Protein backbone atom coordinates (compact mmCIF):
# COMPACT_ATOMS: atom_id res chain seq x y z
CA MET A 1 -65.67 46.50 -55.85
CA GLU A 2 -62.88 48.57 -56.38
CA GLN A 3 -63.50 49.90 -52.71
CA SER A 4 -63.33 46.42 -51.04
CA GLU A 5 -60.31 45.51 -52.77
CA VAL A 6 -58.55 48.84 -52.07
CA SER A 7 -59.50 48.26 -48.27
CA ALA A 8 -58.29 44.47 -48.67
CA GLN A 9 -54.98 45.76 -49.57
CA LYS A 10 -54.76 48.30 -47.19
CA GLU A 11 -55.27 45.48 -44.42
CA THR A 12 -52.60 43.54 -46.32
CA ALA A 13 -50.12 45.80 -46.06
CA GLU A 14 -50.62 46.62 -42.83
CA ASN A 15 -50.84 42.31 -41.53
CA LYS A 16 -47.51 42.80 -43.14
CA CYS A 17 -45.92 46.09 -41.52
CA VAL A 18 -46.97 44.52 -37.87
CA LYS A 19 -45.03 40.89 -38.68
CA GLU A 20 -42.09 42.76 -39.95
CA SER A 21 -42.47 44.80 -36.69
CA ALA A 22 -42.88 41.44 -34.65
CA GLU A 23 -39.94 39.73 -36.67
CA ASN A 24 -37.70 42.64 -35.81
CA GLN A 25 -38.55 42.80 -32.05
CA THR A 26 -37.84 39.10 -32.05
CA ASN A 27 -34.63 39.35 -33.62
CA GLU A 28 -33.86 42.50 -31.78
CA ALA A 29 -34.63 40.20 -28.39
CA THR A 30 -32.45 37.38 -29.84
CA GLY A 31 -29.43 39.61 -30.50
CA ASP A 32 -29.72 41.07 -27.18
CA VAL A 33 -29.47 37.47 -25.60
CA SER A 34 -26.74 36.72 -27.78
CA SER A 35 -24.81 39.22 -27.36
CA GLN A 36 -25.68 38.84 -23.05
CA VAL A 37 -24.71 35.17 -23.70
CA SER A 38 -21.43 36.05 -25.74
CA LYS A 39 -20.23 38.62 -22.95
CA LEU A 40 -21.21 35.87 -20.16
CA GLY A 41 -18.74 33.57 -22.21
CA SER A 42 -16.41 36.08 -22.72
CA VAL A 43 -16.33 36.95 -18.73
CA SER A 44 -16.14 33.14 -17.93
CA LYS A 45 -13.35 32.18 -20.31
CA PRO A 46 -10.45 34.66 -18.81
CA SER A 47 -11.26 33.87 -15.44
CA GLU A 48 -10.66 30.04 -16.36
CA GLU A 49 -7.65 31.00 -18.14
CA THR A 50 -6.55 33.17 -15.27
CA GLU A 51 -7.58 30.30 -13.20
CA ALA A 52 -5.20 28.00 -15.82
CA ARG A 53 -2.37 30.29 -15.65
CA HIS A 54 -2.19 30.97 -12.26
CA SER A 55 -1.32 27.17 -12.30
CA ARG A 56 1.55 26.03 -14.28
CA LEU A 57 1.72 22.94 -13.81
CA LYS A 58 -1.27 22.63 -14.83
CA LEU A 59 -0.75 24.54 -17.52
CA PHE A 60 2.70 22.73 -18.69
CA ASP A 61 1.07 19.28 -18.84
CA LYS A 62 -1.82 20.53 -21.12
CA VAL A 63 0.74 21.43 -23.34
CA MET A 64 2.53 18.20 -23.03
CA GLN A 65 -0.45 16.76 -24.06
CA LYS A 66 -1.60 19.00 -26.87
CA SER A 67 2.22 18.68 -28.24
CA LEU A 68 1.99 14.61 -27.54
CA GLU A 69 -1.45 14.57 -29.84
CA LYS A 70 -0.10 16.43 -32.61
CA PHE A 71 2.99 14.65 -32.99
CA ILE A 72 0.92 11.09 -32.88
CA ASP A 73 -1.22 12.59 -35.84
CA HIS A 74 2.02 13.01 -37.60
CA ALA A 75 2.34 9.26 -37.27
CA SER A 76 -1.16 8.45 -38.81
CA PHE A 77 -2.17 5.46 -40.20
CA ASN A 78 -1.91 6.80 -43.87
CA ARG A 79 1.62 7.89 -43.97
CA PHE A 80 2.25 4.70 -42.02
CA ALA A 81 0.99 2.59 -44.60
CA SER A 82 2.45 4.88 -47.40
CA THR A 83 6.03 4.17 -46.27
CA PHE A 84 5.39 0.26 -45.92
CA ARG A 85 3.16 -0.07 -49.13
CA PRO A 86 4.26 -3.51 -50.13
CA LEU A 87 3.53 -4.83 -47.12
CA TYR A 88 0.60 -2.98 -46.28
CA LYS A 89 -0.78 -4.30 -50.17
CA LYS A 90 -0.01 -8.06 -48.65
CA ASN A 91 -1.81 -7.77 -45.41
CA PRO A 92 -3.73 -4.35 -44.36
CA GLN A 93 -5.59 -5.70 -41.58
CA ARG A 94 -1.56 -7.14 -39.87
CA MET A 95 -0.43 -3.28 -41.22
CA GLU A 96 -3.02 -1.57 -39.48
CA SER A 97 -2.89 -3.64 -36.31
CA ILE A 98 0.90 -3.11 -36.33
CA HIS A 99 0.28 0.94 -36.57
CA LYS A 100 -1.99 0.23 -33.77
CA GLN A 101 0.56 -1.43 -31.70
CA PHE A 102 3.52 1.54 -32.96
CA ILE A 103 0.97 4.44 -31.43
CA GLU A 104 0.27 2.85 -28.74
CA GLU A 105 4.37 1.92 -27.60
CA LEU A 106 4.80 5.86 -28.88
CA ARG A 107 2.82 7.14 -26.56
CA ARG A 108 4.11 5.40 -23.65
CA THR A 109 7.28 6.04 -24.55
CA ILE A 110 6.92 9.80 -24.87
CA GLN A 111 4.26 9.70 -22.13
CA GLU A 112 7.41 8.24 -19.74
CA ASP A 113 10.06 10.61 -20.95
CA ILE A 114 7.92 13.63 -19.82
CA SER A 115 7.37 12.26 -16.36
CA ARG A 116 11.26 11.36 -16.17
CA LEU A 117 11.71 14.54 -16.78
CA ILE A 118 9.03 16.23 -14.20
CA GLU A 119 10.67 14.26 -11.65
CA GLU A 120 14.48 14.69 -12.53
CA GLY A 121 14.19 18.78 -12.74
CA ARG A 122 11.66 18.86 -9.85
CA LEU A 123 9.38 20.94 -11.96
CA ASP A 124 6.49 19.88 -9.85
CA PHE A 125 8.09 21.44 -7.53
CA LYS A 126 9.67 24.76 -8.75
CA LEU A 127 6.63 25.62 -10.90
CA ASN A 128 4.56 25.44 -7.71
CA GLU A 129 7.03 27.86 -6.31
CA LEU A 130 6.41 30.17 -9.29
CA ASP A 131 2.79 29.87 -8.24
CA LYS A 132 3.57 31.26 -4.31
CA LEU A 133 6.26 33.76 -6.04
CA GLU A 134 3.24 35.40 -8.62
CA SER A 135 0.78 35.44 -5.68
CA ALA A 136 3.28 36.73 -2.99
CA ALA A 137 4.26 39.49 -6.03
CA LYS A 138 0.34 40.73 -5.87
CA ASN A 139 0.15 41.12 -1.87
CA ASN A 140 3.51 43.85 -2.18
CA GLN A 141 2.66 47.05 -2.65
CA ASN A 142 6.65 47.94 -2.85
CA PRO A 143 8.01 48.86 -5.88
CA ALA A 144 10.05 46.44 -8.05
CA TRP A 145 13.57 47.15 -8.87
CA ARG A 146 14.40 48.66 -12.05
CA PRO A 147 18.09 49.49 -13.19
CA SER A 148 19.60 53.23 -12.46
CA GLY A 149 21.33 53.24 -15.65
CA VAL A 150 25.10 53.16 -13.74
CA PRO A 151 26.45 49.17 -14.03
CA GLU A 152 28.75 50.07 -11.83
CA GLN A 153 25.99 50.70 -8.83
CA ASP A 154 23.61 48.17 -10.05
CA PHE A 155 26.46 45.76 -9.58
CA CYS A 156 27.61 46.90 -6.10
CA SER A 157 23.82 46.89 -5.57
CA PHE A 158 23.60 43.49 -5.95
CA LEU A 159 26.15 42.15 -4.59
CA MET A 160 26.56 43.76 -1.58
CA PRO A 161 23.94 42.11 0.33
CA TYR A 162 25.60 38.92 -0.78
CA TYR A 163 28.91 39.60 0.46
CA ARG A 164 26.57 41.33 3.63
CA LYS A 165 25.41 38.23 3.93
CA GLN A 166 28.57 36.37 3.46
CA GLU A 167 30.70 37.93 6.20
CA ALA A 168 27.85 37.64 8.85
CA TYR A 169 27.85 33.42 8.20
CA MET A 170 31.74 34.03 8.16
CA ARG A 171 31.49 35.99 11.68
CA GLN A 172 29.05 33.26 12.83
CA GLU A 173 31.31 30.96 12.08
CA LEU A 174 34.63 32.40 13.80
CA LYS A 175 32.51 32.77 16.77
CA LYS A 176 31.96 29.18 16.70
CA ILE A 177 35.39 27.84 15.87
CA GLN A 178 36.74 30.38 18.56
CA ALA A 179 34.55 29.00 21.55
CA GLU A 180 35.32 25.14 20.14
CA ASN A 181 39.04 26.46 20.60
CA ALA A 182 38.58 28.08 24.30
CA ALA A 183 37.51 24.79 25.13
CA LEU A 184 40.09 22.83 23.60
CA ALA A 185 42.09 25.20 25.29
CA GLN A 186 40.14 24.65 28.66
CA LYS A 187 40.46 20.62 28.12
CA VAL A 188 44.06 20.45 27.23
CA GLN A 189 44.69 23.21 30.80
CA ALA A 190 42.84 20.81 32.12
CA GLY A 191 45.13 17.81 31.08
CA ARG A 192 48.35 19.76 31.78
CA GLU A 193 47.53 20.38 35.39
CA SER A 194 46.53 16.50 35.73
CA ILE A 195 50.08 15.52 34.45
CA ALA A 196 51.37 18.11 36.79
CA GLN A 197 49.50 16.50 40.00
CA THR A 198 50.87 13.20 38.89
CA GLU A 199 54.45 14.18 38.38
CA HIS A 200 53.97 15.72 41.50
CA ARG A 201 52.30 12.55 43.33
CA ILE A 202 55.38 10.68 41.63
CA SER A 203 58.35 12.85 43.03
CA THR A 204 56.95 12.68 46.62
CA ALA A 205 56.38 9.13 46.34
CA VAL A 206 59.64 8.43 45.18
CA ASP A 207 61.87 10.97 47.90
CA GLU A 208 59.06 9.07 50.35
CA TRP A 209 60.42 5.58 49.30
CA LYS A 210 64.24 7.05 49.54
CA ALA A 211 63.85 8.39 52.87
CA SER A 212 62.20 5.15 53.84
CA VAL A 213 65.31 2.96 52.75
CA THR A 214 67.48 5.13 53.91
CA GLU A 215 65.99 4.95 57.44
CA PHE A 216 65.61 1.13 56.81
CA GLU A 217 69.29 0.77 56.11
CA ARG A 218 70.55 3.18 59.37
CA LEU A 219 68.18 0.78 61.16
CA ALA A 220 69.62 -2.09 60.20
CA SER A 221 73.42 -1.04 60.69
CA SER A 222 72.27 0.39 64.46
CA LEU A 223 70.84 -3.35 65.40
CA CYS A 224 73.52 -5.74 62.91
CA PRO A 225 76.87 -3.62 63.74
CA ALA A 226 79.78 -5.15 61.34
CA ASP A 227 81.80 -6.13 64.18
CA VAL A 228 79.72 -8.21 65.95
CA PHE A 229 80.07 -11.04 62.79
CA ASP A 230 83.48 -10.86 62.95
CA VAL A 231 85.77 -14.06 63.40
């Protein structure tokens, strides 16, 4: 009997060991799976954050919506009722309806202000331009500008390209003005030549008229002498 009890206790101990080892293996497998899932989640989360970061307009809209929700949460019905407690005690249902209308109007007004801000500031265009500049900067292998430590040199390096660009623009405008002045000078010269030719034609016509008048008077005097008509 004692031997059978000892053998039964050994079998029970062995079964416990087997169960404990199986449970340990199960826990280890579960831990591995959970760690892998957490790793996958950590991998997918930065990608989502990266996509959100690359779209500044979406991020701005998300921040505005969260701020709006937090602001609306502060205007809860409990605070609203505590502010107007006498009215709330008289008619709680009416007070709840007023609070609902107040929240809807508040949300609509704030949303309109945000939309107006985006439209007037052209934030959609500017934020998209920032996204494009960031993506273009990633493809640029040249080192970014850094200050040299000499303010005069940095200031000159910043202003010289601007002044050169302005100088090139002024030279181009000067060429346009000079070309326009040359065209106007040609037109003035052509007008002066036309006036001179007209004056010459007029003077020639006047001389011819004077000559014809003189010739007419001479012929008239030769055809009709004055002594013929004397009485």
